[in-house]
Amino acid sequence: QVQLVESGGGLVQPGGSLRLSCAASGSIFRFYAMNWYRQAPGKQRELVAHISSGGSTNYKDSVKGRFTISRDNAEKTAYLQMNSLKPEDTAVYYCNAHGVGPDLWGQGTQVTVSS
């Protein structure tokens, strides 16, 4: 029903910024909660940011004030704006759509923060 395609990852220096995009296909995007997860090598996958269908947001404590999740229902796209990036933000970032049925996942995009 909904397919997710991620883009925007890359290599950035500490203190830099990146914006990740998650473009969705399908007819009921506006009813899904959208999430960004990340997984670093040797670490558990963790929820980074959440936005409800109504626009309410929640963040992992370590990214509060630095990351912003948003959604554009007309464009059927979710975003993760990442500022003041730190080396510990290095991970593969995955977009997730959560609804009544099975969750949908993007393909993952690598974010590397290094000098």
Protein backbone atom coordinates (compact mmCIF):
# COMPACT_ATOMS: atom_id res chain seq x y z
CA GLN A 1 0.00 0.00 0.00
CA VAL A 2 2.74 2.48 1.01
CA GLN A 3 6.36 2.27 -0.13
CA LEU A 4 9.10 4.41 1.41
CA VAL A 5 12.20 5.70 -0.37
CA GLU A 6 14.87 7.51 1.65
CA SER A 7 17.47 10.01 0.53
CA GLY A 8 19.77 12.68 1.93
CA GLY A 9 22.43 10.75 3.80
CA GLY A 10 26.12 11.37 3.42
CA LEU A 11 29.38 12.40 5.06
CA VAL A 12 29.42 15.56 7.14
CA GLN A 13 31.83 17.16 9.60
CA PRO A 14 30.97 17.49 13.30
CA GLY A 15 28.72 20.49 13.79
CA GLY A 16 27.33 20.20 10.28
CA SER A 17 23.80 19.55 9.07
CA LEU A 18 21.92 17.09 6.88
CA ARG A 19 18.29 16.70 5.91
CA LEU A 20 16.91 13.23 5.33
CA SER A 21 13.80 12.71 3.21
CA CYS A 22 11.36 9.81 3.14
CA ALA A 23 9.06 9.85 0.13
CA ALA A 24 5.98 7.65 0.30
CA SER A 25 3.69 6.22 -2.32
CA GLY A 26 0.15 5.17 -1.53
CA SER A 27 -3.20 6.68 -0.71
CA ILE A 28 -3.33 6.81 3.11
CA PHE A 29 0.00 8.39 4.06
CA ARG A 30 -1.75 11.02 6.17
CA PHE A 31 -3.09 8.35 8.55
CA TYR A 32 0.33 6.87 9.36
CA ALA A 33 2.60 7.88 12.17
CA MET A 34 6.11 8.43 10.81
CA ASN A 35 9.32 7.57 12.61
CA TRP A 36 13.05 7.79 12.07
CA TYR A 37 15.19 5.02 13.54
CA ARG A 38 18.93 4.58 13.41
CA GLN A 39 21.35 1.72 13.92
CA ALA A 40 25.06 2.16 14.47
CA PRO A 41 27.53 -0.72 14.03
CA GLY A 42 27.43 -3.00 17.06
CA LYS A 43 24.51 -1.13 18.62
CA GLN A 44 20.78 -1.67 18.91
CA ARG A 45 18.34 0.00 16.58
CA GLU A 46 16.86 3.01 18.33
CA LEU A 47 13.97 5.36 17.75
CA VAL A 48 15.27 8.85 17.04
CA ALA A 49 12.14 10.85 16.22
CA HIS A 50 8.40 10.36 15.89
CA ILE A 51 5.60 12.40 14.36
CA SER A 52 1.96 11.43 14.68
CA SER A 53 -0.66 11.72 11.97
CA GLY A 54 -1.78 14.90 13.74
CA GLY A 55 1.71 16.41 13.83
CA SER A 56 2.72 15.80 17.45
CA THR A 57 6.44 15.02 17.81
CA ASN A 58 8.73 13.16 20.18
CA TYR A 59 12.51 12.75 20.17
CA LYS A 60 15.23 10.68 21.70
CA ASP A 61 16.70 12.75 24.52
CA SER A 62 20.16 12.93 22.97
CA VAL A 63 18.87 14.60 19.79
CA LYS A 64 16.42 17.07 21.34
CA GLY A 65 17.17 20.59 20.22
CA ARG A 66 19.29 19.35 17.31
CA PHE A 67 16.93 17.21 15.19
CA THR A 68 13.51 18.13 13.82
CA ILE A 69 11.04 15.69 12.31
CA SER A 70 8.35 17.03 10.00
CA ARG A 71 5.88 15.83 7.42
CA ASP A 72 4.22 17.24 4.33
CA ASN A 73 1.05 15.27 3.73
CA ALA A 74 0.41 16.95 0.38
CA GLU A 75 3.81 15.76 -0.87
CA LYS A 76 3.59 12.49 1.10
CA THR A 77 7.07 13.04 2.47
CA ALA A 78 8.61 12.94 5.94
CA TYR A 79 11.82 14.74 6.80
CA LEU A 80 14.49 14.66 9.46
CA GLN A 81 16.49 17.87 9.74
CA MET A 82 19.71 17.16 11.63
CA ASN A 83 21.79 20.04 12.94
CA SER A 84 24.87 20.23 15.15
CA LEU A 85 25.77 16.69 14.18
CA LYS A 86 28.10 14.68 16.39
CA PRO A 87 30.22 11.61 15.64
CA GLU A 88 27.87 9.54 17.80
CA ASP A 89 25.08 10.32 15.33
CA THR A 90 26.84 8.13 12.77
CA ALA A 91 24.45 5.32 11.80
CA VAL A 92 22.19 3.97 9.13
CA TYR A 93 18.93 5.88 9.37
CA TYR A 94 15.64 4.19 8.54
CA CYS A 95 12.27 5.77 7.86
CA ASN A 96 9.30 3.89 9.29
CA ALA A 97 5.56 4.23 8.75
CA HIS A 98 3.35 2.86 11.50
CA GLY A 99 -0.36 2.25 11.08
CA VAL A 100 -2.95 -0.39 11.86
CA GLY A 101 -1.30 -3.03 9.65
CA PRO A 102 2.33 -4.10 9.31
CA ASP A 103 4.95 -1.38 9.58
CA LEU A 104 6.67 -0.13 6.44
CA TRP A 105 10.39 0.59 6.24
CA GLY A 106 12.64 2.58 3.98
CA GLN A 107 15.83 1.09 2.56
CA GLY A 108 18.12 2.97 4.94
CA THR A 109 20.54 5.80 4.31
CA GLN A 110 24.04 6.13 5.77
CA VAL A 111 24.91 9.18 7.85
CA THR A 112 28.57 9.53 8.75
CA VAL A 113 29.79 12.36 10.99
CA SER A 114 33.56 12.58 10.96
CA SER A 115 36.36 15.09 10.66
